[in-house]
Amino acid sequence: MTARANLLQFLLLGVSGWLQRYQASAIEYLKTENRMPRERLGKRRILFTDAERRELAKKAKGVGRKGLGDLDTSVTPDTLLRWHRELVARKSTLVERRKPGRPLTRDAIIELIVRMATENPGWGYTPIQGALANLKYMLARGTVRNILKEQGIEPAPERSKHMPWSVFLKAYWKALVASDFFSVDVWGWYGLVT
């Protein structure tokens, strides 16, 4: 029984030694590969995005200060660990959560509300809200009012009193095209003559 245990220990030591040599050679290769681009950059700094900083900070914490000191990192171990501390601090203060309150209305819906109000000057807030509901956009009447107020568009009664010529043409274009201003039907001796 002890011979088997000794044989198993010997095999485990051999496999673990082989794995350790394999990992050491992989680390040396990665160090060399990492050093080459930095030598090409010279004195210029490598700029990381926030997502890259977060990922490096998470991995650096797992390696530890001593392990980072042994590696030839692009960024100093102190900087990597500072990034990790900032990441933890930001997570605990909930800085990255969205702002309180309701989310803002999308620009496409705002444009649609403005278009409805200008093309239909007699429509108040409630008809615009109803038209939006028909298009599957559920907005409150007050939201429609606030959007029109922010865009400088007056409420329906004042809006319909002074309609711009362009809005009039858009609203009544089909009727204007269908009408003929230059011909007249007149009854003559032979019937109705144009």
Foldseek 3Di string as FASTA:
>chain_A
DVVVVVVVVVVVVVVVVVVVVVVVVVLVVVLVVQVVVVVVVPPDADDDDLVVLVVLLVVLVVCDQVSQVVGPDSDHSVVSPVSVVVVVVCVVVVVPDDDDDDDDDDPVVLVVLVVVCLLCLQDFLVVSQVVVVVVVDHDDSVVSVVSCVVVVHDGRVVSVVDRDPVSVCVNCVVVVVPDDDPDDWDQDPVGTDD
